Amino acid sequence: MQIRKISIGYDYKNSMNYIVGQKALNHYIIHIIRQEDDGSISVWLENEKNEVVLWKSFSVSMPVSIEYNINY
């Protein structure tokens, strides 16, 4: 399933949120959020030249809440 949003942190109310399509670092947007085979989460950005780069990675020990895309 495709991830739409992740919330990172021990307290959900005050967690950091990352959403696919959200602007980041002025000239980038969040391109994809992916759960890796080892359970870690990676956040990939796309720039204005359509280049995709790894921005952040969160280990399995970090509390993460995941929202998936629901396509009917």
C-alpha atoms as a PDB file:
ATOM      1  CA  MET A   1       0.000   0.000   0.000  1.00  0.00           C
ATOM      2  CA  GLN A   2       1.089   3.538  -0.684  1.00  0.00           C
ATOM      3  CA  ILE A   3       1.850   5.744   2.343  1.00  0.00           C
ATOM      4  CA  ARG A   4       0.143   9.164   2.323  1.00  0.00           C
ATOM      5  CA  LYS A   5       1.307  10.588   5.664  1.00  0.00           C
ATOM      6  CA  ILE A   6       3.547   9.761   8.602  1.00  0.00           C
ATOM      7  CA  SER A   7       3.612  11.280  12.072  1.00  0.00           C
ATOM      8  CA  ILE A   8       6.930  10.902  13.903  1.00  0.00           C
ATOM      9  CA  GLY A   9       7.292  11.211  17.667  1.00  0.00           C
ATOM     10  CA  TYR A  10       6.410   9.831  21.067  1.00  0.00           C
ATOM     11  CA  ASP A  11       3.423  12.167  21.543  1.00  0.00           C
ATOM     12  CA  TYR A  12       1.055  11.997  18.549  1.00  0.00           C
ATOM     13  CA  LYS A  13      -0.423  15.426  19.305  1.00  0.00           C
ATOM     14  CA  ASN A  14       3.019  17.088  19.085  1.00  0.00           C
ATOM     15  CA  SER A  15       4.561  14.836  16.437  1.00  0.00           C
ATOM     16  CA  MET A  16       6.204  15.959  13.184  1.00  0.00           C
ATOM     17  CA  ASN A  17       4.020  15.261  10.143  1.00  0.00           C
ATOM     18  CA  TYR A  18       5.225  14.489   6.628  1.00  0.00           C
ATOM     19  CA  ILE A  19       2.684  14.301   3.795  1.00  0.00           C
ATOM     20  CA  VAL A  20       3.262  13.309   0.171  1.00  0.00           C
ATOM     21  CA  GLY A  21       2.981  16.475  -1.942  1.00  0.00           C
ATOM     22  CA  GLN A  22       3.919  18.783   0.968  1.00  0.00           C
ATOM     23  CA  LYS A  23       6.538  21.482   0.284  1.00  0.00           C
ATOM     24  CA  ALA A  24       9.896  21.044   1.990  1.00  0.00           C
ATOM     25  CA  LEU A  25      13.102  23.089   1.949  1.00  0.00           C
ATOM     26  CA  ASN A  26      11.637  25.788  -0.353  1.00  0.00           C
ATOM     27  CA  HIS A  27      12.351  24.118  -3.718  1.00  0.00           C
ATOM     28  CA  TYR A  28      11.320  20.533  -2.998  1.00  0.00           C
ATOM     29  CA  ILE A  29       8.150  18.549  -2.424  1.00  0.00           C
ATOM     30  CA  ILE A  30       7.794  15.225  -0.653  1.00  0.00           C
ATOM     31  CA  HIS A  31       7.746  12.738  -3.522  1.00  0.00           C
ATOM     32  CA  ILE A  32       7.272   9.434  -1.713  1.00  0.00           C
ATOM     33  CA  ILE A  33       7.309   8.012   1.794  1.00  0.00           C
ATOM     34  CA  ARG A  34       8.450   4.418   1.843  1.00  0.00           C
ATOM     35  CA  GLN A  35       8.716   1.689   4.454  1.00  0.00           C
ATOM     36  CA  GLU A  36      11.914  -0.247   3.831  1.00  0.00           C
ATOM     37  CA  ASP A  37      12.388  -4.010   4.187  1.00  0.00           C
ATOM     38  CA  ASP A  38      14.030  -3.542   7.607  1.00  0.00           C
ATOM     39  CA  GLY A  39      10.990  -1.583   8.876  1.00  0.00           C
ATOM     40  CA  SER A  40      12.606   1.856   8.731  1.00  0.00           C
ATOM     41  CA  ILE A  41      10.818   4.764   7.038  1.00  0.00           C
ATOM     42  CA  SER A  42      12.437   6.907   4.332  1.00  0.00           C
ATOM     43  CA  VAL A  43      11.224  10.254   2.980  1.00  0.00           C
ATOM     44  CA  TRP A  44      12.206  11.147  -0.606  1.00  0.00           C
ATOM     45  CA  LEU A  45      12.070  14.667  -2.085  1.00  0.00           C
ATOM     46  CA  GLU A  46      11.671  15.823  -5.683  1.00  0.00           C
ATOM     47  CA  ASN A  47      13.130  19.117  -6.923  1.00  0.00           C
ATOM     48  CA  GLU A  48      12.128  21.399  -9.800  1.00  0.00           C
ATOM     49  CA  LYS A  49      14.301  19.347 -12.198  1.00  0.00           C
ATOM     50  CA  ASN A  50      12.366  16.165 -11.282  1.00  0.00           C
ATOM     51  CA  GLU A  51      15.392  14.763  -9.436  1.00  0.00           C
ATOM     52  CA  VAL A  52      14.458  12.553  -6.504  1.00  0.00           C
ATOM     53  CA  VAL A  53      16.747  12.426  -3.457  1.00  0.00           C
ATOM     54  CA  LEU A  54      16.621  10.789  -0.027  1.00  0.00           C
ATOM     55  CA  TRP A  55      15.923  13.422   2.622  1.00  0.00           C
ATOM     56  CA  LYS A  56      15.218  11.647   5.908  1.00  0.00           C
ATOM     57  CA  SER A  57      15.267   8.170   7.308  1.00  0.00           C
ATOM     58  CA  PHE A  58      13.694   7.015  10.581  1.00  0.00           C
ATOM     59  CA  SER A  59      14.778   3.826  12.346  1.00  0.00           C
ATOM     60  CA  VAL A  60      12.361   1.193  13.578  1.00  0.00           C
ATOM     61  CA  SER A  61      12.929   2.367  17.156  1.00  0.00           C
ATOM     62  CA  MET A  62      11.288   5.740  16.409  1.00  0.00           C
ATOM     63  CA  PRO A  63       7.517   5.822  17.084  1.00  0.00           C
ATOM     64  CA  VAL A  64       5.693   6.302  13.773  1.00  0.00           C
ATOM     65  CA  SER A  65       2.017   6.560  12.905  1.00  0.00           C
ATOM     66  CA  ILE A  66       1.326   5.732   9.238  1.00  0.00           C
ATOM     67  CA  GLU A  67      -1.651   6.785   7.102  1.00  0.00           C
ATOM     68  CA  TYR A  68      -2.128   4.970   3.820  1.00  0.00           C
ATOM     69  CA  ASN A  69      -3.816   6.126   0.620  1.00  0.00           C
ATOM     70  CA  ILE A  70      -7.282   4.639   0.320  1.00  0.00           C
ATOM     71  CA  ASN A  71      -8.385   4.497  -3.300  1.00  0.00           C
ATOM     72  CA  TYR A  72     -11.936   3.276  -3.851  1.00  0.00           C
END
